[in-house]
Protein backbone atom coordinates (compact mmCIF):
# COMPACT_ATOMS: atom_id res chain seq x y z
CA MET A 1 -32.49 9.65 -25.31
CA THR A 2 -31.17 12.98 -26.52
CA ASP A 3 -33.19 14.84 -29.13
CA ALA A 4 -33.40 18.44 -30.37
CA GLY A 5 -35.73 19.38 -27.51
CA THR A 6 -33.36 18.04 -24.87
CA LEU A 7 -30.42 19.85 -26.45
CA THR A 8 -32.38 23.11 -26.72
CA LYS A 9 -33.44 22.87 -23.08
CA TRP A 10 -29.81 22.31 -22.03
CA ILE A 11 -28.52 25.25 -24.09
CA ASP A 12 -31.28 27.53 -22.75
CA ALA A 13 -30.22 26.57 -19.21
CA TYR A 14 -26.57 27.09 -20.17
CA ARG A 15 -27.35 30.63 -21.29
CA ARG A 16 -29.24 31.33 -18.06
CA ALA A 17 -26.23 30.10 -16.10
CA TRP A 18 -23.91 32.17 -18.32
CA GLU A 19 -25.95 35.27 -17.56
CA SER A 20 -26.32 34.60 -13.83
CA ASN A 21 -22.94 33.06 -12.93
CA ASN A 22 -24.97 31.45 -10.15
CA PRO A 23 -23.20 28.31 -8.87
CA GLU A 24 -26.51 26.44 -8.56
CA ASP A 25 -27.47 27.27 -12.15
CA ILE A 26 -24.08 26.08 -13.38
CA ALA A 27 -24.06 22.91 -11.26
CA ALA A 28 -27.52 21.91 -12.49
CA LEU A 29 -26.15 21.57 -16.04
CA PHE A 30 -23.56 18.91 -15.26
CA THR A 31 -23.27 15.40 -13.87
CA ALA A 32 -21.29 14.85 -10.66
CA ASP A 33 -18.39 13.38 -12.66
CA ALA A 34 -18.53 15.81 -15.59
CA ARG A 35 -15.46 16.70 -17.61
CA TYR A 36 -15.41 20.22 -19.09
CA PHE A 37 -12.71 21.10 -21.62
CA PRO A 38 -12.61 24.92 -21.98
CA ALA A 39 -10.13 24.34 -24.82
CA PRO A 40 -9.84 21.08 -26.77
CA TYR A 41 -6.28 20.16 -25.84
CA GLY A 42 -6.07 21.59 -22.34
CA GLN A 43 -6.75 19.98 -19.02
CA PRO A 44 -10.44 19.53 -18.27
CA TRP A 45 -12.23 20.74 -15.21
CA GLU A 46 -13.18 17.40 -13.65
CA GLY A 47 -16.22 16.99 -11.44
CA ARG A 48 -19.20 19.28 -10.97
CA GLU A 49 -17.52 21.38 -8.29
CA ALA A 50 -14.44 21.98 -10.46
CA VAL A 51 -16.68 22.92 -13.39
CA VAL A 52 -18.49 25.48 -11.25
CA GLN A 53 -15.22 26.94 -9.94
CA GLY A 54 -13.63 27.08 -13.40
CA TRP A 55 -16.72 28.63 -14.95
CA ILE A 56 -16.96 31.38 -12.33
CA ALA A 57 -13.23 32.13 -12.56
CA ALA A 58 -13.49 32.50 -16.36
CA GLY A 59 -17.00 33.95 -16.40
CA ASP A 60 -18.21 36.86 -18.46
CA GLU A 61 -20.05 39.77 -16.97
CA PRO A 62 -23.79 39.20 -17.32
CA GLY A 63 -25.40 41.05 -20.21
CA THR A 64 -22.18 41.50 -22.22
CA THR A 65 -22.82 38.93 -24.94
CA THR A 66 -25.31 37.80 -27.50
CA PHE A 67 -25.38 34.19 -28.58
CA ALA A 68 -26.79 32.32 -31.57
CA TRP A 69 -26.52 28.59 -32.16
CA GLU A 70 -27.59 25.72 -34.35
CA PRO A 71 -27.24 21.96 -34.03
CA VAL A 72 -24.77 20.21 -36.31
CA ALA A 73 -25.42 16.67 -35.09
CA ILE A 74 -27.61 15.07 -32.44
CA THR A 75 -27.32 11.43 -31.47
CA ASP A 76 -27.93 9.57 -28.23
CA GLU A 77 -24.16 9.56 -27.62
CA VAL A 78 -22.95 12.99 -28.79
CA GLN A 79 -24.34 16.39 -29.67
CA VAL A 80 -22.45 18.98 -31.75
CA VAL A 81 -23.39 22.66 -31.77
CA ARG A 82 -22.11 25.52 -33.92
CA ALA A 83 -22.49 28.93 -32.28
CA THR A 84 -21.52 32.57 -32.48
CA THR A 85 -20.80 34.63 -29.38
CA THR A 86 -20.76 38.39 -29.85
CA TYR A 87 -19.12 40.73 -27.34
CA PRO A 88 -19.14 44.53 -27.68
CA ASP A 89 -15.64 44.46 -29.21
CA LYS A 90 -15.20 40.97 -30.72
CA VAL A 91 -16.99 37.95 -32.15
CA TYR A 92 -16.17 34.27 -31.63
CA SER A 93 -17.11 31.22 -33.64
CA ASN A 94 -17.68 28.19 -31.44
CA LEU A 95 -18.05 24.48 -31.91
CA TRP A 96 -19.23 22.50 -28.89
CA VAL A 97 -19.09 18.74 -28.54
CA LEU A 98 -21.44 17.61 -25.78
CA ARG A 99 -22.28 14.30 -24.20
CA LEU A 100 -25.61 14.57 -22.38
CA ASP A 101 -26.85 11.80 -20.12
CA ALA A 102 -30.38 10.36 -20.04
CA ASP A 103 -31.45 13.12 -17.60
CA GLY A 104 -30.24 15.89 -19.92
CA ARG A 105 -27.16 16.76 -17.86
CA CYS A 106 -23.80 17.14 -19.51
CA ARG A 107 -21.19 14.55 -18.66
CA GLU A 108 -18.58 15.86 -21.11
CA TYR A 109 -18.22 19.24 -22.78
CA THR A 110 -15.47 20.30 -25.19
CA GLU A 111 -15.32 23.80 -26.58
CA TYR A 112 -13.51 24.80 -29.78
CA TRP A 113 -13.46 28.54 -30.38
CA MET A 114 -11.74 31.17 -32.48
CA GLN A 115 -12.01 34.91 -32.72
CA GLN A 116 -13.38 36.13 -36.04
CA PRO A 117 -11.24 38.65 -37.94
């Protein structure tokens, strides 16, 4: 069952992985057959190993962002998060659609983002 605590724990781990870019930290977030859509209509990274490789290839330098988030919806099937990512020179609005499994690992992640004016 996914609840606010499970989602918060996952996002805290996501931020740690974001800051470390450590393959083990990233892999721990996802199921073996995870699908990660870095953009909603693009091709997903499929499988944990592909997620790790895609993440590292697109990764930010640790310590370059701040991040704030809030849940929009939490059900057993899907979790939706609204977030703001702030870089030194730009700010992005994000909407994440997550599907966490019973162990709190993500089996599907879709990211919608846009740069704020």
